[in-house]
Amino acid sequence: MGFFRLRPLLLLGALAAALVVIAADADARPGGSFGSRRTRTFTAPPVTQTAPTPARPIERSMTQPGAQSGPSVARPAPAAPTGGLLNRPGFFGGLAAGFLGAGLIGLLLGHGLTGGLGGLASIFGLLLQIGLVAIVGYLLWSWWQRRSQPAFASGPSLRDAFGARPTAPGGMDGLGSGAGPAAAGVGALTPTAADFDQFERLLGEIETAYGEEDLNRLRMRVTPEMLSYFAEELAANASRGVVNRISDVKLLQGDLAEAWREGDVDYATVAMRYALNDTMVDRASGRVVEGGPDEAVEVWTFMRVAGGAWLLSAIQQV
C-alpha cells in the first residue's frame, strides 16, 4: 500500500525532472560565464534595469584570482614569538638561559647560586648588561615590527575607497580622477552613443559568426581568450555531429552596468536583453534537433586599447 501512495509523488518528480531537462536543452547557445574583466573579473558587476538580478560569477578565466579588485586580503602579521622568556628567540632567551646556567653550575660545584658568577658584583654587572641589551633589543624589535608591517594594512582597499561614492548617471561607477595615490591606473570612463552602437553591432556580428562557425570573423571581434572558448565549443559541437545555428539577433533592451579605465585599456560592462533564433541542427541531415526562437539576458564586457576598436572580453549569464 505504501508504494501505491508514493506513486503520485514519483510521477510528479519524474515530470519535474523532465521539465528541467527540456528547459536546459532549449538554450542551445554556449552557456556559462567566462572571460576576463581585468581587475574586476571576480567582482560582480552592478545590477541594472535590464539585468535586475546579479550576474553569475565568472567560472572560466585566464585572469588569476589574486589580480581582482575587491576587499583587500588581510596579510598575516609577523608571527609573535611563542612561550615565555626562555622560548623567545634572540638576546633575551640566550642571556636568561646563560644566567640560570651559571647559577646551576655554581650550585653543583658547591659555591651557591651566585658562585658561578664570581660574587655579588658580577651579578650587578650582568644585570646591567642585561638591561642595556634589553633596551637595544627592544628598539631593534620595534624597528623590525614597523618595517615588516604592510603599507596601509589597516586602511581601506582601492575598491572600498570608491565603493562609497555615489553612482554616476546611467549606472556607471562613479570613479573620480582625483582620488589620490590609491587610484593610480584606474579612472573614469563615459561611453558615447557611438560606443553603444558598436556594442549592439558586435552583439549581432558575434552571435551570427558563432552560428556560422566562422572563427576568422570572431577573431576580429573578440579577445584571444574568448576566441579560445568559442573554438572549444564549436569543436565539441562538431564532435557531436551538430551545428548551433544562430540568426535574427535583435537587441530589445540594454544599459550600462559599469565602465572604467585601467592604464591605457578601457572596459565597459553592458547588460543586454535580445531576441534570436537559436537552433541545434544535425550536420548530416540538416534536421533541427532542438531550439527555435528564444530570448536571452546576458552581461557582456567589452575592452579596447585607447583609440582602438571594442572587443568582447567576457560574457556572464543572468
C-alpha atoms as a PDB file:
ATOM      1  CA  MET A   1       0.000   0.000   0.000  1.00  0.00           C
ATOM      2  CA  GLY A   2       2.904   2.375   0.766  1.00  0.00           C
ATOM      3  CA  PHE A   3       4.211   2.071  -2.803  1.00  0.00           C
ATOM      4  CA  PHE A   4       0.822   2.962  -4.319  1.00  0.00           C
ATOM      5  CA  ARG A   5       0.557   6.001  -2.075  1.00  0.00           C
ATOM      6  CA  LEU A   6       4.016   7.131  -3.253  1.00  0.00           C
ATOM      7  CA  ARG A   7       3.272   6.661  -6.964  1.00  0.00           C
ATOM      8  CA  PRO A   8       1.756  10.156  -7.448  1.00  0.00           C
ATOM      9  CA  LEU A   9       4.836  11.714  -5.823  1.00  0.00           C
ATOM     10  CA  LEU A  10       7.153   9.657  -8.018  1.00  0.00           C
ATOM     11  CA  LEU A  11       5.246  10.715 -11.130  1.00  0.00           C
ATOM     12  CA  LEU A  12       5.427  14.388 -10.125  1.00  0.00           C
ATOM     13  CA  GLY A  13       9.173  14.049  -9.511  1.00  0.00           C
ATOM     14  CA  ALA A  14       9.726  12.463 -12.916  1.00  0.00           C
ATOM     15  CA  LEU A  15       7.675  15.213 -14.589  1.00  0.00           C
ATOM     16  CA  ALA A  16       9.671  17.927 -12.830  1.00  0.00           C
ATOM     17  CA  ALA A  17      12.952  16.329 -13.896  1.00  0.00           C
ATOM     18  CA  ALA A  18      11.772  16.155 -17.488  1.00  0.00           C
ATOM     19  CA  LEU A  19      10.820  19.830 -17.432  1.00  0.00           C
ATOM     20  CA  VAL A  20      14.258  20.737 -16.085  1.00  0.00           C
ATOM     21  CA  VAL A  21      15.933  18.798 -18.896  1.00  0.00           C
ATOM     22  CA  ILE A  22      13.719  20.458 -21.509  1.00  0.00           C
ATOM     23  CA  ALA A  23      14.438  23.917 -20.086  1.00  0.00           C
ATOM     24  CA  ALA A  24      18.176  23.226 -20.097  1.00  0.00           C
ATOM     25  CA  ASP A  25      18.132  21.918 -23.690  1.00  0.00           C
ATOM     26  CA  ALA A  26      16.065  24.809 -25.011  1.00  0.00           C
ATOM     27  CA  ASP A  27      19.063  27.146 -24.791  1.00  0.00           C
ATOM     28  CA  ALA A  28      21.499  25.798 -27.352  1.00  0.00           C
ATOM     29  CA  ARG A  29      23.950  28.699 -27.164  1.00  0.00           C
ATOM     30  CA  PRO A  30      27.180  28.208 -25.219  1.00  0.00           C
ATOM     31  CA  GLY A  31      26.339  28.595 -21.555  1.00  0.00           C
ATOM     32  CA  GLY A  32      28.355  29.563 -18.527  1.00  0.00           C
ATOM     33  CA  SER A  33      30.183  32.736 -17.577  1.00  0.00           C
ATOM     34  CA  PHE A  34      33.705  33.123 -18.903  1.00  0.00           C
ATOM     35  CA  GLY A  35      36.315  35.655 -19.961  1.00  0.00           C
ATOM     36  CA  SER A  36      38.166  38.465 -18.240  1.00  0.00           C
ATOM     37  CA  ARG A  37      37.237  41.841 -16.752  1.00  0.00           C
ATOM     38  CA  ARG A  38      40.804  42.606 -15.721  1.00  0.00           C
ATOM     39  CA  THR A  39      40.899  43.602 -12.045  1.00  0.00           C
ATOM     40  CA  ARG A  40      37.096  43.243 -11.771  1.00  0.00           C
ATOM     41  CA  THR A  41      36.985  39.699 -13.142  1.00  0.00           C
ATOM     42  CA  PHE A  42      35.899  38.240  -9.824  1.00  0.00           C
ATOM     43  CA  THR A  43      33.822  41.228  -8.729  1.00  0.00           C
ATOM     44  CA  ALA A  44      30.119  41.089  -9.624  1.00  0.00           C
ATOM     45  CA  PRO A  45      29.005  43.914 -11.928  1.00  0.00           C
ATOM     46  CA  PRO A  46      26.216  46.164 -10.625  1.00  0.00           C
ATOM     47  CA  VAL A  47      22.643  45.138 -11.406  1.00  0.00           C
ATOM     48  CA  THR A  48      20.674  47.201 -13.911  1.00  0.00           C
ATOM     49  CA  GLN A  49      17.100  47.553 -15.148  1.00  0.00           C
ATOM     50  CA  THR A  50      17.872  45.122 -17.959  1.00  0.00           C
ATOM     51  CA  ALA A  51      19.511  42.615 -15.610  1.00  0.00           C
ATOM     52  CA  PRO A  52      17.910  43.221 -12.184  1.00  0.00           C
ATOM     53  CA  THR A  53      19.412  40.048 -10.704  1.00  0.00           C
ATOM     54  CA  PRO A  54      23.161  39.590 -10.115  1.00  0.00           C
ATOM     55  CA  ALA A  55      25.157  38.045 -12.933  1.00  0.00           C
ATOM     56  CA  ARG A  56      26.695  34.642 -12.374  1.00  0.00           C
ATOM     57  CA  PRO A  57      30.349  34.786 -11.274  1.00  0.00           C
ATOM     58  CA  ILE A  58      32.910  34.137 -13.975  1.00  0.00           C
ATOM     59  CA  GLU A  59      33.758  30.435 -13.912  1.00  0.00           C
ATOM     60  CA  ARG A  60      36.495  30.251 -16.553  1.00  0.00           C
ATOM     61  CA  SER A  61      39.146  32.926 -16.912  1.00  0.00           C
ATOM     62  CA  MET A  62      42.830  33.275 -17.665  1.00  0.00           C
ATOM     63  CA  THR A  63      42.954  36.027 -15.047  1.00  0.00           C
ATOM     64  CA  GLN A  64      44.348  34.802 -11.756  1.00  0.00           C
ATOM     65  CA  PRO A  65      42.099  35.286  -8.710  1.00  0.00           C
ATOM     66  CA  GLY A  66      44.815  37.278  -6.940  1.00  0.00           C
ATOM     67  CA  ALA A  67      44.540  40.001  -9.604  1.00  0.00           C
ATOM     68  CA  GLN A  68      40.967  41.019  -8.844  1.00  0.00           C
ATOM     69  CA  SER A  69      39.997  44.299  -7.288  1.00  0.00           C
ATOM     70  CA  GLY A  70      38.000  43.806  -4.151  1.00  0.00           C
ATOM     71  CA  PRO A  71      38.251  43.970  -0.411  1.00  0.00           C
ATOM     72  CA  SER A  72      41.901  43.650   0.440  1.00  0.00           C
ATOM     73  CA  VAL A  73      43.036  40.274   1.677  1.00  0.00           C
ATOM     74  CA  ALA A  74      44.387  40.579   5.177  1.00  0.00           C
ATOM     75  CA  ARG A  75      48.058  39.785   5.221  1.00  0.00           C
ATOM     76  CA  PRO A  76      49.285  37.705   8.151  1.00  0.00           C
ATOM     77  CA  ALA A  77      51.034  39.804  10.779  1.00  0.00           C
ATOM     78  CA  PRO A  78      54.581  38.878  11.724  1.00  0.00           C
ATOM     79  CA  ALA A  79      54.462  35.783  13.895  1.00  0.00           C
ATOM     80  CA  ALA A  80      54.635  36.619  17.569  1.00  0.00           C
ATOM     81  CA  PRO A  81      57.236  34.614  19.497  1.00  0.00           C
ATOM     82  CA  THR A  82      55.711  31.757  21.393  1.00  0.00           C
ATOM     83  CA  GLY A  83      56.202  30.839  25.010  1.00  0.00           C
ATOM     84  CA  GLY A  84      57.804  32.802  27.821  1.00  0.00           C
ATOM     85  CA  LEU A  85      61.161  34.458  28.147  1.00  0.00           C
ATOM     86  CA  LEU A  86      63.176  31.301  27.606  1.00  0.00           C
ATOM     87  CA  ASN A  87      61.245  30.431  24.473  1.00  0.00           C
ATOM     88  CA  ARG A  88      61.807  33.858  22.923  1.00  0.00           C
ATOM     89  CA  PRO A  89      64.476  33.786  20.233  1.00  0.00           C
ATOM     90  CA  GLY A  90      67.328  36.272  20.190  1.00  0.00           C
ATOM     91  CA  PHE A  91      69.139  38.049  23.003  1.00  0.00           C
ATOM     92  CA  PHE A  92      66.596  37.523  25.794  1.00  0.00           C
ATOM     93  CA  GLY A  93      66.452  33.767  25.667  1.00  0.00           C
ATOM     94  CA  GLY A  94      70.203  33.375  25.364  1.00  0.00           C
ATOM     95  CA  LEU A  95      71.045  35.710  28.216  1.00  0.00           C
ATOM     96  CA  ALA A  96      68.416  34.331  30.569  1.00  0.00           C
ATOM     97  CA  ALA A  97      69.487  30.785  29.812  1.00  0.00           C
ATOM     98  CA  GLY A  98      73.122  31.729  30.442  1.00  0.00           C
ATOM     99  CA  PHE A  99      72.228  33.378  33.738  1.00  0.00           C
ATOM    100  CA  LEU A 100      70.382  30.321  35.044  1.00  0.00           C
ATOM    101  CA  GLY A 101      73.030  28.015  33.657  1.00  0.00           C
ATOM    102  CA  ALA A 102      75.747  29.832  35.550  1.00  0.00           C
ATOM    103  CA  GLY A 103      73.729  29.638  38.778  1.00  0.00           C
ATOM    104  CA  LEU A 104      73.137  25.930  38.377  1.00  0.00           C
ATOM    105  CA  ILE A 105      76.832  25.323  37.778  1.00  0.00           C
ATOM    106  CA  GLY A 106      77.624  27.214  40.982  1.00  0.00           C
ATOM    107  CA  LEU A 107      75.190  25.067  42.916  1.00  0.00           C
ATOM    108  CA  LEU A 108      76.658  21.864  41.523  1.00  0.00           C
ATOM    109  CA  LEU A 109      80.191  22.934  42.452  1.00  0.00           C
ATOM    110  CA  GLY A 110      79.149  23.851  45.983  1.00  0.00           C
ATOM    111  CA  HIS A 111      79.644  27.630  45.630  1.00  0.00           C
ATOM    112  CA  GLY A 112      75.968  28.546  45.872  1.00  0.00           C
ATOM    113  CA  LEU A 113      73.650  30.047  43.306  1.00  0.00           C
ATOM    114  CA  THR A 114      75.930  33.047  42.706  1.00  0.00           C
ATOM    115  CA  GLY A 115      79.201  31.201  42.850  1.00  0.00           C
ATOM    116  CA  GLY A 116      79.380  30.649  39.165  1.00  0.00           C
ATOM    117  CA  LEU A 117      79.170  34.394  38.576  1.00  0.00           C
ATOM    118  CA  GLY A 118      82.081  35.479  40.725  1.00  0.00           C
ATOM    119  CA  GLY A 119      80.151  37.061  43.562  1.00  0.00           C
ATOM    120  CA  LEU A 120      77.602  39.806  44.027  1.00  0.00           C
ATOM    121  CA  ALA A 121      79.480  42.352  41.929  1.00  0.00           C
ATOM    122  CA  SER A 122      79.360  40.046  38.968  1.00  0.00           C
ATOM    123  CA  ILE A 123      75.585  39.726  39.366  1.00  0.00           C
ATOM    124  CA  PHE A 124      75.125  43.513  39.272  1.00  0.00           C
ATOM    125  CA  GLY A 125      77.388  43.777  36.268  1.00  0.00           C
ATOM    126  CA  LEU A 126      75.491  41.058  34.491  1.00  0.00           C
ATOM    127  CA  LEU A 127      72.150  42.680  35.323  1.00  0.00           C
ATOM    128  CA  LEU A 128      73.410  45.996  33.960  1.00  0.00           C
ATOM    129  CA  GLN A 129      74.479  44.294  30.752  1.00  0.00           C
ATOM    130  CA  ILE A 130      71.132  42.527  30.509  1.00  0.00           C
ATOM    131  CA  GLY A 131      69.328  45.859  30.926  1.00  0.00           C
ATOM    132  CA  LEU A 132      71.387  47.527  28.207  1.00  0.00           C
ATOM    133  CA  VAL A 133      70.933  44.600  25.842  1.00  0.00           C
ATOM    134  CA  ALA A 134      67.194  44.548  26.621  1.00  0.00           C
ATOM    135  CA  ILE A 135      66.856  48.211  25.671  1.00  0.00           C
ATOM    136  CA  VAL A 136      68.796  47.719  22.447  1.00  0.00           C
ATOM    137  CA  GLY A 137      66.809  44.567  21.679  1.00  0.00           C
ATOM    138  CA  TYR A 138      63.500  46.358  22.274  1.00  0.00           C
ATOM    139  CA  LEU A 139      64.497  49.181  19.916  1.00  0.00           C
ATOM    140  CA  LEU A 140      65.551  46.668  17.250  1.00  0.00           C
ATOM    141  CA  TRP A 141      62.343  44.688  17.704  1.00  0.00           C
ATOM    142  CA  SER A 142      60.181  47.850  17.357  1.00  0.00           C
ATOM    143  CA  TRP A 143      62.067  48.869  14.220  1.00  0.00           C
ATOM    144  CA  TRP A 144      61.602  45.392  12.729  1.00  0.00           C
ATOM    145  CA  GLN A 145      57.859  45.423  13.514  1.00  0.00           C
ATOM    146  CA  ARG A 146      57.399  48.752  11.742  1.00  0.00           C
ATOM    147  CA  ARG A 147      59.468  47.585   8.773  1.00  0.00           C
ATOM    148  CA  SER A 148      57.619  44.264   8.402  1.00  0.00           C
ATOM    149  CA  GLN A 149      54.092  45.732   8.611  1.00  0.00           C
ATOM    150  CA  PRO A 150      52.479  46.021   5.123  1.00  0.00           C
ATOM    151  CA  ALA A 151      51.676  49.515   3.922  1.00  0.00           C
ATOM    152  CA  PHE A 152      48.090  50.613   4.508  1.00  0.00           C
ATOM    153  CA  ALA A 153      47.360  47.300   6.242  1.00  0.00           C
ATOM    154  CA  SER A 154      44.586  48.834   8.325  1.00  0.00           C
ATOM    155  CA  GLY A 155      43.229  51.210   5.700  1.00  0.00           C
ATOM    156  CA  PRO A 156      40.515  50.668   3.087  1.00  0.00           C
ATOM    157  CA  SER A 157      41.315  48.903  -0.159  1.00  0.00           C
ATOM    158  CA  LEU A 158      41.048  50.596  -3.516  1.00  0.00           C
ATOM    159  CA  ARG A 159      37.563  49.284  -4.258  1.00  0.00           C
ATOM    160  CA  ASP A 160      36.363  50.057  -0.720  1.00  0.00           C
ATOM    161  CA  ALA A 161      37.511  53.626  -1.148  1.00  0.00           C
ATOM    162  CA  PHE A 162      35.492  54.094  -4.299  1.00  0.00           C
ATOM    163  CA  GLY A 163      32.546  51.892  -3.333  1.00  0.00           C
ATOM    164  CA  ALA A 164      31.084  54.578  -1.059  1.00  0.00           C
ATOM    165  CA  ARG A 165      30.973  57.151  -3.839  1.00  0.00           C
ATOM    166  CA  PRO A 166      27.662  57.937  -5.489  1.00  0.00           C
ATOM    167  CA  THR A 167      26.964  56.185  -8.745  1.00  0.00           C
ATOM    168  CA  ALA A 168      27.126  58.379 -11.790  1.00  0.00           C
ATOM    169  CA  PRO A 169      24.043  58.796 -14.000  1.00  0.00           C
ATOM    170  CA  GLY A 170      23.403  55.846 -16.303  1.00  0.00           C
ATOM    171  CA  GLY A 171      24.608  53.264 -13.791  1.00  0.00           C
ATOM    172  CA  MET A 172      28.328  53.920 -14.269  1.00  0.00           C
ATOM    173  CA  ASP A 173      30.741  53.507 -11.440  1.00  0.00           C
ATOM    174  CA  GLY A 174      31.434  56.951 -10.064  1.00  0.00           C
ATOM    175  CA  LEU A 175      35.225  56.933 -10.122  1.00  0.00           C
ATOM    176  CA  GLY A 176      36.919  60.267  -9.769  1.00  0.00           C
ATOM    177  CA  SER A 177      40.193  61.244 -11.382  1.00  0.00           C
ATOM    178  CA  GLY A 178      41.369  62.983  -8.227  1.00  0.00           C
ATOM    179  CA  ALA A 179      41.080  60.006  -5.918  1.00  0.00           C
ATOM    180  CA  GLY A 180      44.703  60.140  -4.811  1.00  0.00           C
ATOM    181  CA  PRO A 181      47.558  57.629  -4.964  1.00  0.00           C
ATOM    182  CA  ALA A 182      45.303  54.632  -4.174  1.00  0.00           C
ATOM    183  CA  ALA A 183      43.523  55.085  -7.509  1.00  0.00           C
ATOM    184  CA  ALA A 184      46.653  55.098  -9.658  1.00  0.00           C
ATOM    185  CA  GLY A 185      45.999  53.479 -13.035  1.00  0.00           C
ATOM    186  CA  VAL A 186      42.202  53.394 -12.632  1.00  0.00           C
ATOM    187  CA  GLY A 187      39.982  56.190 -13.907  1.00  0.00           C
ATOM    188  CA  ALA A 188      36.523  57.143 -15.018  1.00  0.00           C
ATOM    189  CA  LEU A 189      35.100  56.270 -18.420  1.00  0.00           C
ATOM    190  CA  THR A 190      31.958  57.577 -20.070  1.00  0.00           C
ATOM    191  CA  PRO A 191      30.959  55.603 -23.198  1.00  0.00           C
ATOM    192  CA  THR A 192      29.467  57.667 -26.009  1.00  0.00           C
ATOM    193  CA  ALA A 193      26.436  56.985 -28.210  1.00  0.00           C
ATOM    194  CA  ALA A 194      28.836  55.665 -30.860  1.00  0.00           C
ATOM    195  CA  ASP A 195      30.196  53.165 -28.322  1.00  0.00           C
ATOM    196  CA  PHE A 196      26.703  51.847 -27.559  1.00  0.00           C
ATOM    197  CA  ASP A 197      26.025  51.498 -31.282  1.00  0.00           C
ATOM    198  CA  GLN A 198      29.194  49.428 -31.562  1.00  0.00           C
ATOM    199  CA  PHE A 199      28.139  47.221 -28.637  1.00  0.00           C
ATOM    200  CA  GLU A 200      24.822  46.492 -30.355  1.00  0.00           C
ATOM    201  CA  ARG A 201      26.547  45.794 -33.666  1.00  0.00           C
ATOM    202  CA  LEU A 202      29.049  43.447 -32.026  1.00  0.00           C
ATOM    203  CA  LEU A 203      26.213  41.526 -30.368  1.00  0.00           C
ATOM    204  CA  GLY A 204      24.693  40.630 -33.735  1.00  0.00           C
ATOM    205  CA  GLU A 205      28.004  40.033 -35.511  1.00  0.00           C
ATOM    206  CA  ILE A 206      29.459  37.788 -32.810  1.00  0.00           C
ATOM    207  CA  GLU A 207      26.312  35.678 -32.421  1.00  0.00           C
ATOM    208  CA  THR A 208      25.965  35.288 -36.185  1.00  0.00           C
ATOM    209  CA  ALA A 209      29.644  34.445 -36.705  1.00  0.00           C
ATOM    210  CA  TYR A 210      29.408  31.827 -33.972  1.00  0.00           C
ATOM    211  CA  GLY A 211      26.331  30.319 -35.612  1.00  0.00           C
ATOM    212  CA  GLU A 212      28.230  30.110 -38.901  1.00  0.00           C
ATOM    213  CA  GLU A 213      31.323  28.668 -37.170  1.00  0.00           C
ATOM    214  CA  ASP A 214      33.430  31.457 -38.656  1.00  0.00           C
ATOM    215  CA  LEU A 215      36.470  31.755 -36.399  1.00  0.00           C
ATOM    216  CA  ASN A 216      38.123  34.345 -38.652  1.00  0.00           C
ATOM    217  CA  ARG A 217      35.227  36.769 -38.178  1.00  0.00           C
ATOM    218  CA  LEU A 218      35.170  36.065 -34.462  1.00  0.00           C
ATOM    219  CA  ARG A 219      38.913  36.722 -34.212  1.00  0.00           C
ATOM    220  CA  MET A 220      38.387  40.348 -35.257  1.00  0.00           C
ATOM    221  CA  ARG A 221      35.629  40.924 -32.677  1.00  0.00           C
ATOM    222  CA  VAL A 222      36.673  39.084 -29.514  1.00  0.00           C
ATOM    223  CA  THR A 223      39.794  38.773 -27.393  1.00  0.00           C
ATOM    224  CA  PRO A 224      42.097  35.776 -27.939  1.00  0.00           C
ATOM    225  CA  GLU A 225      40.852  34.300 -24.658  1.00  0.00           C
ATOM    226  CA  MET A 226      37.209  34.467 -25.761  1.00  0.00           C
ATOM    227  CA  LEU A 227      38.160  33.053 -29.161  1.00  0.00           C
ATOM    228  CA  SER A 228      39.667  30.006 -27.457  1.00  0.00           C
ATOM    229  CA  TYR A 229      36.422  29.353 -25.539  1.00  0.00           C
ATOM    230  CA  PHE A 230      34.282  29.730 -28.678  1.00  0.00           C
ATOM    231  CA  ALA A 231      36.604  27.420 -30.636  1.00  0.00           C
ATOM    232  CA  GLU A 232      36.316  24.822 -27.883  1.00  0.00           C
ATOM    233  CA  GLU A 233      32.503  24.972 -28.014  1.00  0.00           C
ATOM    234  CA  LEU A 234      32.483  24.659 -31.810  1.00  0.00           C
ATOM    235  CA  ALA A 235      34.839  21.678 -31.660  1.00  0.00           C
ATOM    236  CA  ALA A 236      32.539  19.985 -29.138  1.00  0.00           C
ATOM    237  CA  ASN A 237      29.546  20.552 -31.444  1.00  0.00           C
ATOM    238  CA  ALA A 238      31.462  19.123 -34.390  1.00  0.00           C
ATOM    239  CA  SER A 239      32.323  16.053 -32.348  1.00  0.00           C
ATOM    240  CA  ARG A 240      28.630  15.542 -31.557  1.00  0.00           C
ATOM    241  CA  GLY A 241      27.697  15.993 -35.223  1.00  0.00           C
ATOM    242  CA  VAL A 242      25.609  19.142 -34.710  1.00  0.00           C
ATOM    243  CA  VAL A 243      25.761  22.833 -35.646  1.00  0.00           C
ATOM    244  CA  ASN A 244      24.469  25.628 -33.411  1.00  0.00           C
ATOM    245  CA  ARG A 245      22.740  27.914 -35.912  1.00  0.00           C
ATOM    246  CA  ILE A 246      22.043  31.448 -34.619  1.00  0.00           C
ATOM    247  CA  SER A 247      20.241  34.104 -36.650  1.00  0.00           C
ATOM    248  CA  ASP A 248      17.811  37.037 -36.423  1.00  0.00           C
ATOM    249  CA  VAL A 249      19.620  38.613 -33.464  1.00  0.00           C
ATOM    250  CA  LYS A 250      17.878  41.775 -32.276  1.00  0.00           C
ATOM    251  CA  LEU A 251      18.661  43.872 -29.211  1.00  0.00           C
ATOM    252  CA  LEU A 252      15.497  44.532 -27.205  1.00  0.00           C
ATOM    253  CA  GLN A 253      16.909  46.405 -24.225  1.00  0.00           C
ATOM    254  CA  GLY A 254      20.316  47.310 -22.897  1.00  0.00           C
ATOM    255  CA  ASP A 255      22.019  49.543 -20.344  1.00  0.00           C
ATOM    256  CA  LEU A 256      25.436  50.168 -18.895  1.00  0.00           C
ATOM    257  CA  ALA A 257      26.432  48.393 -15.677  1.00  0.00           C
ATOM    258  CA  GLU A 258      29.872  49.985 -15.256  1.00  0.00           C
ATOM    259  CA  ALA A 259      32.731  51.450 -17.269  1.00  0.00           C
ATOM    260  CA  TRP A 260      36.290  52.137 -16.239  1.00  0.00           C
ATOM    261  CA  ARG A 261      39.844  52.579 -17.489  1.00  0.00           C
ATOM    262  CA  GLU A 262      42.935  50.680 -16.383  1.00  0.00           C
ATOM    263  CA  GLY A 263      46.130  52.109 -17.752  1.00  0.00           C
ATOM    264  CA  ASP A 264      45.612  52.508 -21.495  1.00  0.00           C
ATOM    265  CA  VAL A 265      42.773  49.934 -21.683  1.00  0.00           C
ATOM    266  CA  ASP A 266      39.062  50.821 -21.477  1.00  0.00           C
ATOM    267  CA  TYR A 267      36.393  48.451 -20.170  1.00  0.00           C
ATOM    268  CA  ALA A 268      32.615  48.624 -20.374  1.00  0.00           C
ATOM    269  CA  THR A 269      30.156  46.079 -18.951  1.00  0.00           C
ATOM    270  CA  VAL A 270      26.718  46.156 -20.571  1.00  0.00           C
ATOM    271  CA  ALA A 271      23.544  44.232 -19.720  1.00  0.00           C
ATOM    272  CA  MET A 272      21.611  43.202 -22.841  1.00  0.00           C
ATOM    273  CA  ARG A 273      18.284  41.516 -23.442  1.00  0.00           C
ATOM    274  CA  TYR A 274      17.956  40.289 -27.007  1.00  0.00           C
ATOM    275  CA  ALA A 275      15.887  38.030 -29.218  1.00  0.00           C
ATOM    276  CA  LEU A 276      17.342  35.431 -31.584  1.00  0.00           C
ATOM    277  CA  ASN A 277      16.613  32.239 -33.460  1.00  0.00           C
ATOM    278  CA  ASP A 278      18.744  29.628 -31.705  1.00  0.00           C
ATOM    279  CA  THR A 279      18.674  26.060 -33.055  1.00  0.00           C
ATOM    280  CA  MET A 280      20.844  22.955 -32.914  1.00  0.00           C
ATOM    281  CA  VAL A 281      20.973  21.310 -36.365  1.00  0.00           C
ATOM    282  CA  ASP A 282      22.166  17.836 -37.311  1.00  0.00           C
ATOM    283  CA  ARG A 283      25.199  18.188 -39.606  1.00  0.00           C
ATOM    284  CA  ALA A 284      24.370  15.237 -41.823  1.00  0.00           C
ATOM    285  CA  SER A 285      20.657  15.729 -42.429  1.00  0.00           C
ATOM    286  CA  GLY A 286      20.161  19.433 -41.666  1.00  0.00           C
ATOM    287  CA  ARG A 287      17.284  18.491 -39.349  1.00  0.00           C
ATOM    288  CA  VAL A 288      16.613  20.771 -36.397  1.00  0.00           C
ATOM    289  CA  VAL A 289      17.360  18.763 -33.286  1.00  0.00           C
ATOM    290  CA  GLU A 290      16.309  21.356 -30.728  1.00  0.00           C
ATOM    291  CA  GLY A 291      15.817  25.057 -30.140  1.00  0.00           C
ATOM    292  CA  GLY A 292      13.975  27.796 -32.001  1.00  0.00           C
ATOM    293  CA  PRO A 293      13.010  31.430 -31.333  1.00  0.00           C
ATOM    294  CA  ASP A 294      14.451  32.450 -27.991  1.00  0.00           C
ATOM    295  CA  GLU A 295      15.207  35.417 -25.778  1.00  0.00           C
ATOM    296  CA  ALA A 296      18.280  35.883 -23.587  1.00  0.00           C
ATOM    297  CA  VAL A 297      19.581  38.264 -20.943  1.00  0.00           C
ATOM    298  CA  GLU A 298      23.340  38.384 -20.566  1.00  0.00           C
ATOM    299  CA  VAL A 299      26.030  40.749 -19.287  1.00  0.00           C
ATOM    300  CA  TRP A 300      28.810  41.394 -21.800  1.00  0.00           C
ATOM    301  CA  THR A 301      32.104  43.128 -21.052  1.00  0.00           C
ATOM    302  CA  PHE A 302      33.981  44.880 -23.858  1.00  0.00           C
ATOM    303  CA  MET A 303      37.561  46.150 -23.876  1.00  0.00           C
ATOM    304  CA  ARG A 304      39.642  48.338 -26.142  1.00  0.00           C
ATOM    305  CA  VAL A 305      43.125  49.734 -26.178  1.00  0.00           C
ATOM    306  CA  ALA A 306      42.983  53.532 -26.190  1.00  0.00           C
ATOM    307  CA  GLY A 307      41.991  54.635 -29.671  1.00  0.00           C
ATOM    308  CA  GLY A 308      41.210  51.096 -30.858  1.00  0.00           C
ATOM    309  CA  ALA A 309      38.069  49.109 -31.549  1.00  0.00           C
ATOM    310  CA  TRP A 310      35.954  47.401 -28.900  1.00  0.00           C
ATOM    311  CA  LEU A 311      36.377  43.635 -28.446  1.00  0.00           C
ATOM    312  CA  LEU A 312      34.288  41.216 -26.404  1.00  0.00           C
ATOM    313  CA  SER A 313      36.272  40.107 -23.348  1.00  0.00           C
ATOM    314  CA  ALA A 314      33.686  38.381 -21.104  1.00  0.00           C
ATOM    315  CA  ILE A 315      30.125  37.003 -21.036  1.00  0.00           C
ATOM    316  CA  GLN A 316      28.135  36.413 -17.847  1.00  0.00           C
ATOM    317  CA  GLN A 317      24.772  34.705 -17.604  1.00  0.00           C
ATOM    318  CA  VAL A 318      21.950  36.220 -15.557  1.00  0.00           C
END
